[in-house]
Amino acid sequence: MASPESLDVDDVSPRAWRLLRVAAGYGQRDVEAEVDDVQQAHVSMLESGARALSPARRRELLELYVAELTDDQVRVLVDYF
């Protein structure tokens, strides 16, 4: 398996975004407090597939989540969900 750093944020499904956030221990409001200019609504839309954040913002979210997870946890969530 590749490392989380090598993940293409375009390959992360809406369901995987939600699972990554929850597995990392973040609520949507927690993400809003941790990442500048990202609101709870942005996270909700990303996780529902209604709208995507820019690749740079998605990379920032991924980095926030993977800091709390093992490489294997990240890869399983991204690859299977």
PDB file of N, CA and C in Angstrom:
ATOM      1  N   MET A   1       0.830  -1.193   0.000  1.00  0.00           N
ATOM      2  CA  MET A   1       0.000   0.000   0.000  1.00  0.00           C
ATOM      3  C   MET A   1       0.873   1.255   0.000  1.00  0.00           C
ATOM      4  N   ALA A   2       0.404   2.253  -0.714  1.00  0.00           N
ATOM      5  CA  ALA A   2       1.116   3.531  -0.735  1.00  0.00           C
ATOM      6  C   ALA A   2       0.845   4.286   0.556  1.00  0.00           C
ATOM      7  N   SER A   3       1.700   5.226   0.852  1.00  0.00           N
ATOM      8  CA  SER A   3       1.525   6.022   2.071  1.00  0.00           C
ATOM      9  C   SER A   3       0.419   7.055   1.863  1.00  0.00           C
ATOM     10  N   PRO A   4      -0.180   7.533   2.958  1.00  0.00           N
ATOM     11  CA  PRO A   4      -1.222   8.559   2.826  1.00  0.00           C
ATOM     12  C   PRO A   4      -0.742   9.812   2.100  1.00  0.00           C
ATOM     13  N   GLU A   5       0.527  10.145   2.244  1.00  0.00           N
ATOM     14  CA  GLU A   5       1.059  11.334   1.579  1.00  0.00           C
ATOM     15  C   GLU A   5       0.995  11.218   0.066  1.00  0.00           C
ATOM     16  N   SER A   6       1.008   9.995  -0.440  1.00  0.00           N
ATOM     17  CA  SER A   6       0.980   9.798  -1.885  1.00  0.00           C
ATOM     18  C   SER A   6      -0.440   9.669  -2.430  1.00  0.00           C
ATOM     19  N   LEU A   7      -1.429   9.746  -1.563  1.00  0.00           N
ATOM     20  CA  LEU A   7      -2.816   9.647  -2.010  1.00  0.00           C
ATOM     21  C   LEU A   7      -3.196  10.836  -2.880  1.00  0.00           C
ATOM     22  N   ASP A   8      -3.974  10.558  -3.896  1.00  0.00           N
ATOM     23  CA  ASP A   8      -4.556  11.609  -4.726  1.00  0.00           C
ATOM     24  C   ASP A   8      -5.900  11.957  -4.090  1.00  0.00           C
ATOM     25  N   VAL A   9      -6.079  13.199  -3.677  1.00  0.00           N
ATOM     26  CA  VAL A   9      -7.319  13.585  -3.002  1.00  0.00           C
ATOM     27  C   VAL A   9      -8.543  13.389  -3.895  1.00  0.00           C
ATOM     28  N   ASP A  10      -8.340  13.302  -5.213  1.00  0.00           N
ATOM     29  CA  ASP A  10      -9.444  13.028  -6.132  1.00  0.00           C
ATOM     30  C   ASP A  10      -9.926  11.588  -6.006  1.00  0.00           C
ATOM     31  N   ASP A  11      -9.108  10.721  -5.429  1.00  0.00           N
ATOM     32  CA  ASP A  11      -9.465   9.310  -5.276  1.00  0.00           C
ATOM     33  C   ASP A  11     -10.222   9.008  -3.983  1.00  0.00           C
ATOM     34  N   VAL A  12     -10.421  10.014  -3.134  1.00  0.00           N
ATOM     35  CA  VAL A  12     -11.114   9.812  -1.862  1.00  0.00           C
ATOM     36  C   VAL A  12     -12.603  10.062  -2.079  1.00  0.00           C
ATOM     37  N   SER A  13     -13.406   9.048  -1.818  1.00  0.00           N
ATOM     38  CA  SER A  13     -14.853   9.153  -2.020  1.00  0.00           C
ATOM     39  C   SER A  13     -15.496   9.980  -0.909  1.00  0.00           C
ATOM     40  N   PRO A  14     -16.700  10.486  -1.148  1.00  0.00           N
ATOM     41  CA  PRO A  14     -17.403  11.210  -0.080  1.00  0.00           C
ATOM     42  C   PRO A  14     -17.556  10.375   1.195  1.00  0.00           C
ATOM     43  N   ARG A  15     -17.874   9.105   1.043  1.00  0.00           N
ATOM     44  CA  ARG A  15     -18.017   8.230   2.217  1.00  0.00           C
ATOM     45  C   ARG A  15     -16.687   8.084   2.956  1.00  0.00           C
ATOM     46  N   ALA A  16     -15.599   7.941   2.209  1.00  0.00           N
ATOM     47  CA  ALA A  16     -14.284   7.814   2.838  1.00  0.00           C
ATOM     48  C   ALA A  16     -13.904   9.095   3.574  1.00  0.00           C
ATOM     49  N   TRP A  17     -14.260  10.263   3.019  1.00  0.00           N
ATOM     50  CA  TRP A  17     -13.984  11.521   3.728  1.00  0.00           C
ATOM     51  C   TRP A  17     -14.657  11.520   5.092  1.00  0.00           C
ATOM     52  N   ARG A  18     -15.918  11.093   5.127  1.00  0.00           N
ATOM     53  CA  ARG A  18     -16.650  11.067   6.398  1.00  0.00           C
ATOM     54  C   ARG A  18     -16.022  10.074   7.363  1.00  0.00           C
ATOM     55  N   LEU A  19     -15.694   8.891   6.868  1.00  0.00           N
ATOM     56  CA  LEU A  19     -15.087   7.877   7.732  1.00  0.00           C
ATOM     57  C   LEU A  19     -13.717   8.307   8.244  1.00  0.00           C
ATOM     58  N   LEU A  20     -12.929   8.949   7.416  1.00  0.00           N
ATOM     59  CA  LEU A  20     -11.625   9.455   7.857  1.00  0.00           C
ATOM     60  C   LEU A  20     -11.788  10.475   8.978  1.00  0.00           C
ATOM     61  N   ARG A  21     -12.739  11.397   8.799  1.00  0.00           N
ATOM     62  CA  ARG A  21     -12.969  12.423   9.812  1.00  0.00           C
ATOM     63  C   ARG A  21     -13.383  11.795  11.136  1.00  0.00           C
ATOM     64  N   VAL A  22     -14.338  10.876  11.081  1.00  0.00           N
ATOM     65  CA  VAL A  22     -14.846  10.246  12.306  1.00  0.00           C
ATOM     66  C   VAL A  22     -13.760   9.389  12.959  1.00  0.00           C
ATOM     67  N   ALA A  23     -13.036   8.625  12.155  1.00  0.00           N
ATOM     68  CA  ALA A  23     -11.969   7.777  12.703  1.00  0.00           C
ATOM     69  C   ALA A  23     -10.880   8.614  13.359  1.00  0.00           C
ATOM     70  N   ALA A  24     -10.640   9.806  12.820  1.00  0.00           N
ATOM     71  CA  ALA A  24      -9.625  10.696  13.396  1.00  0.00           C
ATOM     72  C   ALA A  24     -10.135  11.416  14.639  1.00  0.00           C
ATOM     73  N   GLY A  25     -11.429  11.272  14.929  1.00  0.00           N
ATOM     74  CA  GLY A  25     -11.983  11.865  16.141  1.00  0.00           C
ATOM     75  C   GLY A  25     -12.477  13.292  15.999  1.00  0.00           C
ATOM     76  N   TYR A  26     -12.776  13.692  14.767  1.00  0.00           N
ATOM     77  CA  TYR A  26     -13.238  15.060  14.534  1.00  0.00           C
ATOM     78  C   TYR A  26     -14.726  15.091  14.201  1.00  0.00           C
ATOM     79  N   GLY A  27     -15.431  16.030  14.807  1.00  0.00           N
ATOM     80  CA  GLY A  27     -16.772  16.377  14.371  1.00  0.00           C
ATOM     81  C   GLY A  27     -16.643  17.436  13.294  1.00  0.00           C
ATOM     82  N   GLN A  28     -17.715  17.666  12.556  1.00  0.00           N
ATOM     83  CA  GLN A  28     -17.645  18.675  11.494  1.00  0.00           C
ATOM     84  C   GLN A  28     -17.300  20.054  12.051  1.00  0.00           C
ATOM     85  N   ARG A  29     -17.829  20.393  13.179  1.00  0.00           N
ATOM     86  CA  ARG A  29     -17.516  21.693  13.796  1.00  0.00           C
ATOM     87  C   ARG A  29     -16.062  21.747  14.262  1.00  0.00           C
ATOM     88  N   ASP A  30     -15.518  20.614  14.680  1.00  0.00           N
ATOM     89  CA  ASP A  30     -14.108  20.568  15.081  1.00  0.00           C
ATOM     90  C   ASP A  30     -13.204  20.903  13.903  1.00  0.00           C
ATOM     91  N   VAL A  31     -13.549  20.393  12.726  1.00  0.00           N
ATOM     92  CA  VAL A  31     -12.761  20.673  11.523  1.00  0.00           C
ATOM     93  C   VAL A  31     -12.812  22.163  11.221  1.00  0.00           C
ATOM     94  N   GLU A  32     -13.981  22.742  11.359  1.00  0.00           N
ATOM     95  CA  GLU A  32     -14.147  24.173  11.132  1.00  0.00           C
ATOM     96  C   GLU A  32     -13.200  24.980  12.018  1.00  0.00           C
ATOM     97  N   ALA A  33     -13.004  24.530  13.248  1.00  0.00           N
ATOM     98  CA  ALA A  33     -12.114  25.229  14.180  1.00  0.00           C
ATOM     99  C   ALA A  33     -10.637  24.985  13.871  1.00  0.00           C
ATOM    100  N   GLU A  34     -10.321  23.859  13.251  1.00  0.00           N
ATOM    101  CA  GLU A  34      -8.923  23.491  12.992  1.00  0.00           C
ATOM    102  C   GLU A  34      -8.370  24.023  11.674  1.00  0.00           C
ATOM    103  N   VAL A  35      -9.222  24.166  10.664  1.00  0.00           N
ATOM    104  CA  VAL A  35      -8.755  24.529   9.322  1.00  0.00           C
ATOM    105  C   VAL A  35      -9.343  25.889   8.945  1.00  0.00           C
ATOM    106  N   ASP A  36      -8.465  26.862   8.734  1.00  0.00           N
ATOM    107  CA  ASP A  36      -8.904  28.212   8.370  1.00  0.00           C
ATOM    108  C   ASP A  36      -9.748  28.199   7.103  1.00  0.00           C
ATOM    109  N   ASP A  37     -10.817  28.965   7.129  1.00  0.00           N
ATOM    110  CA  ASP A  37     -11.694  29.177   5.977  1.00  0.00           C
ATOM    111  C   ASP A  37     -12.435  27.925   5.504  1.00  0.00           C
ATOM    112  N   VAL A  38     -12.477  26.891   6.313  1.00  0.00           N
ATOM    113  CA  VAL A  38     -13.299  25.727   6.006  1.00  0.00           C
ATOM    114  C   VAL A  38     -14.417  25.703   7.043  1.00  0.00           C
ATOM    115  N   GLN A  39     -15.637  25.732   6.556  1.00  0.00           N
ATOM    116  CA  GLN A  39     -16.789  25.751   7.439  1.00  0.00           C
ATOM    117  C   GLN A  39     -17.424  24.370   7.499  1.00  0.00           C
ATOM    118  N   GLN A  40     -18.242  24.170   8.513  1.00  0.00           N
ATOM    119  CA  GLN A  40     -18.941  22.907   8.681  1.00  0.00           C
ATOM    120  C   GLN A  40     -19.702  22.561   7.408  1.00  0.00           C
ATOM    121  N   ALA A  41     -20.308  23.530   6.765  1.00  0.00           N
ATOM    122  CA  ALA A  41     -21.067  23.287   5.536  1.00  0.00           C
ATOM    123  C   ALA A  41     -20.177  22.743   4.425  1.00  0.00           C
ATOM    124  N   HIS A  42     -18.938  23.223   4.339  1.00  0.00           N
ATOM    125  CA  HIS A  42     -18.009  22.714   3.321  1.00  0.00           C
ATOM    126  C   HIS A  42     -17.732  21.232   3.558  1.00  0.00           C
ATOM    127  N   VAL A  43     -17.515  20.870   4.815  1.00  0.00           N
ATOM    128  CA  VAL A  43     -17.235  19.479   5.172  1.00  0.00           C
ATOM    129  C   VAL A  43     -18.450  18.628   4.848  1.00  0.00           C
ATOM    130  N   SER A  44     -19.617  19.108   5.184  1.00  0.00           N
ATOM    131  CA  SER A  44     -20.858  18.380   4.925  1.00  0.00           C
ATOM    132  C   SER A  44     -21.058  18.137   3.426  1.00  0.00           C
ATOM    133  N   MET A  45     -20.825  19.162   2.623  1.00  0.00           N
ATOM    134  CA  MET A  45     -20.987  19.016   1.173  1.00  0.00           C
ATOM    135  C   MET A  45     -19.950  18.055   0.600  1.00  0.00           C
ATOM    136  N   LEU A  46     -18.720  18.118   1.082  1.00  0.00           N
ATOM    137  CA  LEU A  46     -17.679  17.202   0.621  1.00  0.00           C
ATOM    138  C   LEU A  46     -18.070  15.761   0.933  1.00  0.00           C
ATOM    139  N   GLU A  47     -18.577  15.539   2.131  1.00  0.00           N
ATOM    140  CA  GLU A  47     -18.919  14.192   2.568  1.00  0.00           C
ATOM    141  C   GLU A  47     -20.203  13.671   1.931  1.00  0.00           C
ATOM    142  N   SER A  48     -21.030  14.553   1.413  1.00  0.00           N
ATOM    143  CA  SER A  48     -22.265  14.116   0.753  1.00  0.00           C
ATOM    144  C   SER A  48     -22.076  13.972  -0.754  1.00  0.00           C
ATOM    145  N   GLY A  49     -20.951  14.465  -1.250  1.00  0.00           N
ATOM    146  CA  GLY A  49     -20.688  14.405  -2.684  1.00  0.00           C
ATOM    147  C   GLY A  49     -21.365  15.527  -3.445  1.00  0.00           C
ATOM    148  N   ALA A  50     -21.981  16.461  -2.726  1.00  0.00           N
ATOM    149  CA  ALA A  50     -22.695  17.561  -3.368  1.00  0.00           C
ATOM    150  C   ALA A  50     -21.747  18.594  -3.958  1.00  0.00           C
ATOM    151  N   ARG A  51     -20.574  18.723  -3.363  1.00  0.00           N
ATOM    152  CA  ARG A  51     -19.622  19.731  -3.823  1.00  0.00           C
ATOM    153  C   ARG A  51     -18.252  19.402  -3.242  1.00  0.00           C
ATOM    154  N   ALA A  52     -17.236  19.635  -4.013  1.00  0.00           N
ATOM    155  CA  ALA A  52     -15.882  19.342  -3.549  1.00  0.00           C
ATOM    156  C   ALA A  52     -15.138  20.633  -3.230  1.00  0.00           C
ATOM    157  N   LEU A  53     -14.297  20.556  -2.243  1.00  0.00           N
ATOM    158  CA  LEU A  53     -13.379  21.654  -1.954  1.00  0.00           C
ATOM    159  C   LEU A  53     -12.247  21.605  -2.968  1.00  0.00           C
ATOM    160  N   SER A  54     -11.458  22.642  -3.025  1.00  0.00           N
ATOM    161  CA  SER A  54     -10.312  22.651  -3.927  1.00  0.00           C
ATOM    162  C   SER A  54      -9.349  21.537  -3.526  1.00  0.00           C
ATOM    163  N   PRO A  55      -8.528  21.073  -4.467  1.00  0.00           N
ATOM    164  CA  PRO A  55      -7.551  20.041  -4.109  1.00  0.00           C
ATOM    165  C   PRO A  55      -6.649  20.450  -2.942  1.00  0.00           C
ATOM    166  N   ALA A  56      -6.266  21.722  -2.882  1.00  0.00           N
ATOM    167  CA  ALA A  56      -5.413  22.181  -1.779  1.00  0.00           C
ATOM    168  C   ALA A  56      -6.138  22.063  -0.441  1.00  0.00           C
ATOM    169  N   ARG A  57      -7.408  22.403  -0.410  1.00  0.00           N
ATOM    170  CA  ARG A  57      -8.192  22.298   0.825  1.00  0.00           C
ATOM    171  C   ARG A  57      -8.405  20.841   1.211  1.00  0.00           C
ATOM    172  N   ARG A  58      -8.672  19.999   0.221  1.00  0.00           N
ATOM    173  CA  ARG A  58      -8.839  18.565   0.516  1.00  0.00           C
ATOM    174  C   ARG A  58      -7.534  17.972   1.037  1.00  0.00           C
ATOM    175  N   ARG A  59      -6.413  18.401   0.497  1.00  0.00           N
ATOM    176  CA  ARG A  59      -5.113  17.926   0.977  1.00  0.00           C
ATOM    177  C   ARG A  59      -4.924  18.362   2.430  1.00  0.00           C
ATOM    178  N   GLU A  60      -5.321  19.591   2.747  1.00  0.00           N
ATOM    179  CA  GLU A  60      -5.214  20.098   4.113  1.00  0.00           C
ATOM    180  C   GLU A  60      -6.080  19.266   5.069  1.00  0.00           C
ATOM    181  N   LEU A  61      -7.281  18.936   4.646  1.00  0.00           N
ATOM    182  CA  LEU A  61      -8.140  18.083   5.474  1.00  0.00           C
ATOM    183  C   LEU A  61      -7.536  16.698   5.644  1.00  0.00           C
ATOM    184  N   LEU A  62      -7.036  16.139   4.562  1.00  0.00           N
ATOM    185  CA  LEU A  62      -6.427  14.814   4.642  1.00  0.00           C
ATOM    186  C   LEU A  62      -5.261  14.813   5.620  1.00  0.00           C
ATOM    187  N   GLU A  63      -4.427  15.830   5.560  1.00  0.00           N
ATOM    188  CA  GLU A  63      -3.292  15.918   6.481  1.00  0.00           C
ATOM    189  C   GLU A  63      -3.753  16.022   7.931  1.00  0.00           C
ATOM    190  N   LEU A  64      -4.838  16.749   8.166  1.00  0.00           N
ATOM    191  CA  LEU A  64      -5.391  16.849   9.519  1.00  0.00           C
ATOM    192  C   LEU A  64      -5.825  15.473  10.010  1.00  0.00           C
ATOM    193  N   TYR A  65      -6.535  14.743   9.171  1.00  0.00           N
ATOM    194  CA  TYR A  65      -7.054  13.435   9.566  1.00  0.00           C
ATOM    195  C   TYR A  65      -5.948  12.396   9.732  1.00  0.00           C
ATOM    196  N   VAL A  66      -5.008  12.344   8.784  1.00  0.00           N
ATOM    197  CA  VAL A  66      -3.990  11.289   8.848  1.00  0.00           C
ATOM    198  C   VAL A  66      -3.039  11.473  10.023  1.00  0.00           C
ATOM    199  N   ALA A  67      -2.973  12.677  10.555  1.00  0.00           N
ATOM    200  CA  ALA A  67      -2.121  12.904  11.731  1.00  0.00           C
ATOM    201  C   ALA A  67      -2.625  12.104  12.924  1.00  0.00           C
ATOM    202  N   GLU A  68      -3.896  11.718  12.897  1.00  0.00           N
ATOM    203  CA  GLU A  68      -4.501  10.982  14.005  1.00  0.00           C
ATOM    204  C   GLU A  68      -4.656   9.494  13.717  1.00  0.00           C
ATOM    205  N   LEU A  69      -4.287   9.043  12.520  1.00  0.00           N
ATOM    206  CA  LEU A  69      -4.523   7.662  12.101  1.00  0.00           C
ATOM    207  C   LEU A  69      -3.230   6.992  11.659  1.00  0.00           C
ATOM    208  N   THR A  70      -3.249   5.680  11.635  1.00  0.00           N
ATOM    209  CA  THR A  70      -2.103   4.945  11.085  1.00  0.00           C
ATOM    210  C   THR A  70      -2.229   4.918   9.563  1.00  0.00           C
ATOM    211  N   ASP A  71      -1.119   4.678   8.897  1.00  0.00           N
ATOM    212  CA  ASP A  71      -1.134   4.574   7.433  1.00  0.00           C
ATOM    213  C   ASP A  71      -2.115   3.492   6.986  1.00  0.00           C
ATOM    214  N   ASP A  72      -2.121   2.356   7.685  1.00  0.00           N
ATOM    215  CA  ASP A  72      -3.025   1.263   7.315  1.00  0.00           C
ATOM    216  C   ASP A  72      -4.485   1.667   7.450  1.00  0.00           C
ATOM    217  N   GLN A  73      -4.828   2.390   8.503  1.00  0.00           N
ATOM    218  CA  GLN A  73      -6.204   2.841   8.678  1.00  0.00           C
ATOM    219  C   GLN A  73      -6.624   3.734   7.517  1.00  0.00           C
ATOM    220  N   VAL A  74      -5.763   4.655   7.153  1.00  0.00           N
ATOM    221  CA  VAL A  74      -6.072   5.575   6.058  1.00  0.00           C
ATOM    222  C   VAL A  74      -6.272   4.810   4.765  1.00  0.00           C
ATOM    223  N   ARG A  75      -5.347   3.916   4.453  1.00  0.00           N
ATOM    224  CA  ARG A  75      -5.433   3.185   3.188  1.00  0.00           C
ATOM    225  C   ARG A  75      -6.674   2.309   3.126  1.00  0.00           C
ATOM    226  N   VAL A  76      -7.020   1.654   4.214  1.00  0.00           N
ATOM    227  CA  VAL A  76      -8.215   0.818   4.220  1.00  0.00           C
ATOM    228  C   VAL A  76      -9.460   1.666   3.967  1.00  0.00           C
ATOM    229  N   LEU A  77      -9.576   2.781   4.658  1.00  0.00           N
ATOM    230  CA  LEU A  77     -10.742   3.631   4.486  1.00  0.00           C
ATOM    231  C   LEU A  77     -10.838   4.184   3.062  1.00  0.00           C
ATOM    232  N   VAL A  78      -9.723   4.604   2.507  1.00  0.00           N
ATOM    233  CA  VAL A  78      -9.736   5.163   1.160  1.00  0.00           C
ATOM    234  C   VAL A  78      -9.938   4.069   0.109  1.00  0.00           C
ATOM    235  N   ASP A  79      -9.272   2.943   0.273  1.00  0.00           N
ATOM    236  CA  ASP A  79      -9.354   1.888  -0.741  1.00  0.00           C
ATOM    237  C   ASP A  79     -10.680   1.142  -0.750  1.00  0.00           C
ATOM    238  N   TYR A  80     -11.298   0.973   0.398  1.00  0.00           N
ATOM    239  CA  TYR A  80     -12.498   0.134   0.463  1.00  0.00           C
ATOM    240  C   TYR A  80     -13.804   0.899   0.630  1.00  0.00           C
ATOM    241  N   PHE A  81     -13.698   2.194   0.844  1.00  0.00           N
ATOM    242  CA  PHE A  81     -14.925   2.977   0.976  1.00  0.00           C
ATOM    243  C   PHE A  81     -14.901   4.127   0.009  1.00  0.00           C
TER     244      PHE A  81
END
